Amino acid sequence: QVQLVESGGGLVQPGGSLRLSCVASGRMSSIYDMGWYRQAPGKQRELVAIVTRNSNPNYADLVKGRFYISRDNAKNTVYLQMNSLKPEDTAVYYCYAHAVVVPTSSDYWGQGTQVTVSS
């Protein structure tokens, strides 16, 4: 019903930057929150950043001041600009959206994109 496709992951050196993108498509009538979660090996999935439809962001403490989330409602797209990357940021990053497919609203997830921070 709603598909989320991420792009922009890869290998980067410590201190480097990456920009993730996620495009939503399908039969949704509107999208409320969009955001990013991540899961490192052996750990639970955790919130990275989330942004409301009105572009109010919320960040996990671990990424505040380094990561920036934004969205383009006309393009059904959410972005994550990641700066000053650290090895501990290595994880699979998942796009998230809470969308309305009439008559209900549900959570949707992308397939994930790998981010590896290593020298």
Protein backbone atom coordinates (compact mmCIF):
# COMPACT_ATOMS: atom_id res chain seq x y z
CA GLN A 1 0.00 0.00 0.00
CA VAL A 2 2.84 2.38 0.88
CA GLN A 3 6.39 1.78 -0.24
CA LEU A 4 9.43 3.54 1.21
CA VAL A 5 12.66 3.44 -0.75
CA GLU A 6 15.89 4.65 0.84
CA SER A 7 19.08 5.72 -0.87
CA GLY A 8 22.38 7.35 0.01
CA GLY A 9 24.01 4.85 2.34
CA GLY A 10 27.58 3.67 1.97
CA LEU A 11 31.07 3.65 3.42
CA VAL A 12 32.51 6.86 4.84
CA GLN A 13 35.52 7.72 6.96
CA PRO A 14 35.14 9.04 10.51
CA GLY A 15 34.36 12.74 10.43
CA GLY A 16 32.75 12.47 7.02
CA SER A 17 29.21 13.15 5.86
CA LEU A 18 26.42 11.29 4.14
CA ARG A 19 22.92 12.26 3.07
CA LEU A 20 20.13 9.70 3.14
CA SER A 21 16.93 10.08 1.16
CA CYS A 22 13.64 8.22 1.37
CA VAL A 23 10.76 8.49 -1.08
CA ALA A 24 7.27 7.31 -0.20
CA SER A 25 4.88 6.10 -2.87
CA GLY A 26 1.57 4.30 -3.00
CA ARG A 27 -2.06 4.84 -2.10
CA MET A 28 -1.58 7.10 0.89
CA SER A 29 -3.80 10.14 1.17
CA SER A 30 -1.45 11.89 3.56
CA ILE A 31 1.73 11.29 5.52
CA TYR A 32 2.11 12.43 9.08
CA ASP A 33 5.46 11.79 10.80
CA MET A 34 8.45 10.68 8.74
CA GLY A 35 11.79 9.73 10.13
CA TRP A 36 14.79 7.49 10.47
CA TYR A 37 15.65 4.62 12.77
CA ARG A 38 18.80 2.55 12.86
CA GLN A 39 19.86 -0.89 13.98
CA ALA A 40 23.44 -1.92 14.67
CA PRO A 41 24.47 -5.58 14.86
CA GLY A 42 23.35 -7.15 18.11
CA LYS A 43 21.35 -4.08 19.13
CA GLN A 44 17.72 -3.05 19.05
CA ARG A 45 16.35 -0.66 16.49
CA GLU A 46 16.52 2.91 17.81
CA LEU A 47 15.12 6.27 16.84
CA VAL A 48 17.54 8.60 15.08
CA ALA A 49 15.32 11.50 14.08
CA ILE A 50 11.71 12.18 13.23
CA VAL A 51 9.95 15.14 11.62
CA THR A 52 6.28 16.09 11.67
CA ARG A 53 4.31 17.11 8.63
CA ASN A 54 4.87 20.72 9.69
CA SER A 55 8.64 20.10 9.72
CA ASN A 56 9.12 20.07 13.48
CA PRO A 57 12.11 17.78 14.14
CA ASN A 58 13.04 15.63 17.08
CA TYR A 59 16.45 14.00 17.50
CA ALA A 60 18.00 11.27 19.56
CA ASP A 61 20.53 12.73 22.00
CA LEU A 62 23.36 10.78 20.37
CA VAL A 63 22.96 12.63 17.05
CA LYS A 64 21.93 16.13 18.15
CA GLY A 65 24.10 18.77 16.53
CA ARG A 66 25.46 16.32 13.94
CA PHE A 67 22.41 15.01 12.07
CA TYR A 68 19.67 17.09 10.47
CA ILE A 69 16.32 15.84 9.22
CA SER A 70 14.14 17.56 6.65
CA ARG A 71 11.24 16.71 4.37
CA ASP A 72 9.64 17.80 1.14
CA ASN A 73 5.91 17.13 1.34
CA ALA A 74 5.39 17.80 -2.35
CA LYS A 75 7.82 14.98 -3.14
CA ASN A 76 6.82 12.69 -0.24
CA THR A 77 10.50 12.61 0.64
CA VAL A 78 12.45 12.76 3.88
CA TYR A 79 16.16 13.43 4.15
CA LEU A 80 18.81 12.84 6.79
CA GLN A 81 21.99 14.86 6.58
CA MET A 82 24.63 13.14 8.70
CA ASN A 83 27.77 15.09 9.58
CA SER A 84 30.78 14.35 11.79
CA LEU A 85 30.08 10.66 11.48
CA LYS A 86 31.53 8.30 14.06
CA PRO A 87 32.22 4.55 13.91
CA GLU A 88 29.37 4.04 16.38
CA ASP A 89 26.97 5.47 13.79
CA THR A 90 27.51 2.31 11.76
CA ALA A 91 24.15 0.61 11.32
CA VAL A 92 21.37 -0.18 8.92
CA TYR A 93 19.22 2.93 8.64
CA TYR A 94 15.50 2.48 8.13
CA CYS A 95 13.06 5.05 6.81
CA TYR A 96 9.76 5.34 8.66
CA ALA A 97 6.45 6.96 7.82
CA HIS A 98 3.06 7.12 9.50
CA ALA A 99 0.64 7.40 6.63
CA VAL A 100 -3.06 7.34 5.96
CA VAL A 101 -4.44 4.79 3.53
CA VAL A 102 -8.13 5.39 3.83
CA PRO A 103 -9.78 4.53 6.15
CA THR A 104 -6.85 3.73 8.48
CA SER A 105 -3.41 5.03 9.36
CA SER A 106 -0.40 2.76 9.84
CA ASP A 107 3.35 2.67 10.27
CA TYR A 108 5.45 1.83 7.22
CA TRP A 109 9.14 0.93 6.92
CA GLY A 110 11.74 0.93 4.19
CA GLN A 111 14.04 -2.00 3.49
CA GLY A 112 17.03 -0.28 5.08
CA THR A 113 20.30 1.15 3.81
CA GLN A 114 23.70 0.31 5.26
CA VAL A 115 25.87 3.09 6.66
CA THR A 116 29.41 2.10 7.58
CA VAL A 117 31.80 4.55 9.23
CA SER A 118 35.33 3.21 9.14
CA SER A 119 38.84 4.22 8.23
